[in-house]
C-alpha atoms as a PDB file:
ATOM      1  CA  UNK A   1       0.000   0.000   0.000  1.00  0.00           C
ATOM      2  CA  UNK A   2       2.943   2.302   0.628  1.00  0.00           C
ATOM      3  CA  UNK A   3       3.805   2.213  -3.088  1.00  0.00           C
ATOM      4  CA  UNK A   4       0.268   3.289  -3.990  1.00  0.00           C
ATOM      5  CA  UNK A   5       0.355   6.059  -1.383  1.00  0.00           C
ATOM      6  CA  UNK A   6       3.651   7.275  -2.845  1.00  0.00           C
ATOM      7  CA  UNK A   7       2.246   7.126  -6.384  1.00  0.00           C
ATOM      8  CA  UNK A   8      -0.898   9.055  -5.459  1.00  0.00           C
ATOM      9  CA  UNK A   9       0.869  11.430  -3.093  1.00  0.00           C
ATOM     10  CA  UNK A  10      -1.688  10.865  -0.326  1.00  0.00           C
ATOM     11  CA  UNK A  11      -1.960   8.553   2.637  1.00  0.00           C
ATOM     12  CA  UNK A  12      -4.704   5.933   2.837  1.00  0.00           C
ATOM     13  CA  UNK A  13      -6.384   8.090   5.484  1.00  0.00           C
ATOM     14  CA  UNK A  14      -6.337  11.101   3.139  1.00  0.00           C
ATOM     15  CA  UNK A  15      -7.759   9.007   0.301  1.00  0.00           C
ATOM     16  CA  UNK A  16     -10.538   7.717   2.577  1.00  0.00           C
ATOM     17  CA  UNK A  17     -11.329  11.267   3.661  1.00  0.00           C
ATOM     18  CA  UNK A  18     -11.559  12.446   0.047  1.00  0.00           C
ATOM     19  CA  UNK A  19     -13.872   9.525  -0.745  1.00  0.00           C
ATOM     20  CA  UNK A  20     -16.038  10.420   2.257  1.00  0.00           C
ATOM     21  CA  UNK A  21     -16.239  13.925   0.790  1.00  0.00           C
ATOM     22  CA  UNK A  22     -17.752  12.389  -2.347  1.00  0.00           C
ATOM     23  CA  UNK A  23     -14.719  12.175  -4.628  1.00  0.00           C
ATOM     24  CA  UNK A  24     -14.213   9.155  -6.857  1.00  0.00           C
ATOM     25  CA  UNK A  25     -10.837   7.448  -7.010  1.00  0.00           C
ATOM     26  CA  UNK A  26     -10.396   8.849 -10.521  1.00  0.00           C
ATOM     27  CA  UNK A  27     -11.058  12.384  -9.275  1.00  0.00           C
ATOM     28  CA  UNK A  28      -8.610  11.890  -6.419  1.00  0.00           C
ATOM     29  CA  UNK A  29      -5.937  10.671  -8.814  1.00  0.00           C
ATOM     30  CA  UNK A  30      -6.601  13.501 -11.270  1.00  0.00           C
ATOM     31  CA  UNK A  31      -6.454  16.043  -8.430  1.00  0.00           C
ATOM     32  CA  UNK A  32      -2.997  14.659  -7.695  1.00  0.00           C
ATOM     33  CA  UNK A  33      -1.959  15.059 -11.338  1.00  0.00           C
ATOM     34  CA  UNK A  34      -2.291  11.403 -12.301  1.00  0.00           C
ATOM     35  CA  UNK A  35      -4.124  10.394 -15.457  1.00  0.00           C
ATOM     36  CA  UNK A  36      -5.452   7.040 -16.592  1.00  0.00           C
ATOM     37  CA  UNK A  37      -2.298   6.204 -18.564  1.00  0.00           C
ATOM     38  CA  UNK A  38       0.045   6.873 -15.650  1.00  0.00           C
ATOM     39  CA  UNK A  39      -2.200   4.922 -13.290  1.00  0.00           C
ATOM     40  CA  UNK A  40      -2.403   2.004 -15.719  1.00  0.00           C
ATOM     41  CA  UNK A  41       1.395   1.922 -16.076  1.00  0.00           C
ATOM     42  CA  UNK A  42       1.813   2.004 -12.299  1.00  0.00           C
ATOM     43  CA  UNK A  43      -0.688  -0.813 -11.686  1.00  0.00           C
ATOM     44  CA  UNK A  44       0.664  -2.970 -14.516  1.00  0.00           C
ATOM     45  CA  UNK A  45       4.256  -2.580 -13.309  1.00  0.00           C
ATOM     46  CA  UNK A  46       3.245  -3.666  -9.805  1.00  0.00           C
ATOM     47  CA  UNK A  47       1.207  -6.548 -11.222  1.00  0.00           C
ATOM     48  CA  UNK A  48       4.118  -7.710 -13.372  1.00  0.00           C
ATOM     49  CA  UNK A  49       6.330  -8.133 -10.305  1.00  0.00           C
ATOM     50  CA  UNK A  50       3.647 -10.219  -8.600  1.00  0.00           C
ATOM     51  CA  UNK A  51       2.935 -12.280 -11.726  1.00  0.00           C
ATOM     52  CA  UNK A  52       6.592 -13.163 -12.153  1.00  0.00           C
ATOM     53  CA  UNK A  53       6.774 -14.315  -8.533  1.00  0.00           C
ATOM     54  CA  UNK A  54       3.654 -16.488  -8.890  1.00  0.00           C
ATOM     55  CA  UNK A  55       4.882 -18.004 -12.161  1.00  0.00           C
ATOM     56  CA  UNK A  56       8.182 -18.943 -10.553  1.00  0.00           C
ATOM     57  CA  UNK A  57       6.746 -20.141  -7.227  1.00  0.00           C
ATOM     58  CA  UNK A  58       3.947 -22.203  -8.813  1.00  0.00           C
ATOM     59  CA  UNK A  59       6.031 -23.293 -11.804  1.00  0.00           C
ATOM     60  CA  UNK A  60       3.275 -22.284 -14.231  1.00  0.00           C
ATOM     61  CA  UNK A  61       3.446 -23.373 -17.851  1.00  0.00           C
ATOM     62  CA  UNK A  62       3.121 -20.833 -20.677  1.00  0.00           C
ATOM     63  CA  UNK A  63      -0.636 -21.303 -21.045  1.00  0.00           C
ATOM     64  CA  UNK A  64      -1.216 -20.861 -17.306  1.00  0.00           C
ATOM     65  CA  UNK A  65       1.003 -17.777 -17.251  1.00  0.00           C
ATOM     66  CA  UNK A  66      -0.841 -16.243 -20.224  1.00  0.00           C
ATOM     67  CA  UNK A  67      -4.187 -16.950 -18.550  1.00  0.00           C
ATOM     68  CA  UNK A  68      -3.008 -15.333 -15.306  1.00  0.00           C
ATOM     69  CA  UNK A  69      -1.713 -12.257 -17.152  1.00  0.00           C
ATOM     70  CA  UNK A  70      -4.949 -11.909 -19.119  1.00  0.00           C
ATOM     71  CA  UNK A  71      -7.074 -12.150 -15.979  1.00  0.00           C
ATOM     72  CA  UNK A  72      -4.986  -9.592 -14.097  1.00  0.00           C
ATOM     73  CA  UNK A  73      -4.760  -7.115 -16.966  1.00  0.00           C
ATOM     74  CA  UNK A  74      -8.514  -7.429 -17.595  1.00  0.00           C
ATOM     75  CA  UNK A  75      -9.085  -6.693 -13.904  1.00  0.00           C
ATOM     76  CA  UNK A  76      -6.849  -3.615 -14.129  1.00  0.00           C
ATOM     77  CA  UNK A  77      -8.812  -2.351 -17.143  1.00  0.00           C
ATOM     78  CA  UNK A  78     -12.129  -2.835 -15.341  1.00  0.00           C
ATOM     79  CA  UNK A  79     -10.751  -1.040 -12.299  1.00  0.00           C
ATOM     80  CA  UNK A  80      -9.546   1.872 -14.424  1.00  0.00           C
ATOM     81  CA  UNK A  81     -12.918   2.024 -16.205  1.00  0.00           C
ATOM     82  CA  UNK A  82     -14.616   2.252 -12.835  1.00  0.00           C
ATOM     83  CA  UNK A  83     -12.206   4.917 -11.581  1.00  0.00           C
ATOM     84  CA  UNK A  84     -11.951   7.045 -14.723  1.00  0.00           C
ATOM     85  CA  UNK A  85     -14.995   6.029 -16.773  1.00  0.00           C
ATOM     86  CA  UNK A  86     -14.863   4.450 -20.217  1.00  0.00           C
END
C-alpha cells in the first residue's frame, strides 16, 4: 500500500477522507496530477512483479502464465474504467 500512497501522493487516510467527501478514485488521482495512462502503467508494473513471482513459485506453464496475465490485466482495465470512466 505504501507504493500506492507514494504514487498518489496521499496517505490511505487522506484518500478515505476524500472519498467520504464524495470524490471518486479517478477524481482523487486527477487532483494529484495522475491520469489514466500513468495509473495504468503504475498498476501494470506492480502486477508484473507479482505475476513473475507467482509463475516462478507455482512453476506455471506458458498457457497458465498467459491466462493469469490476461485475468490480471482485464481486472486492471475494469478497475480503471470504474475509476476514470470508459
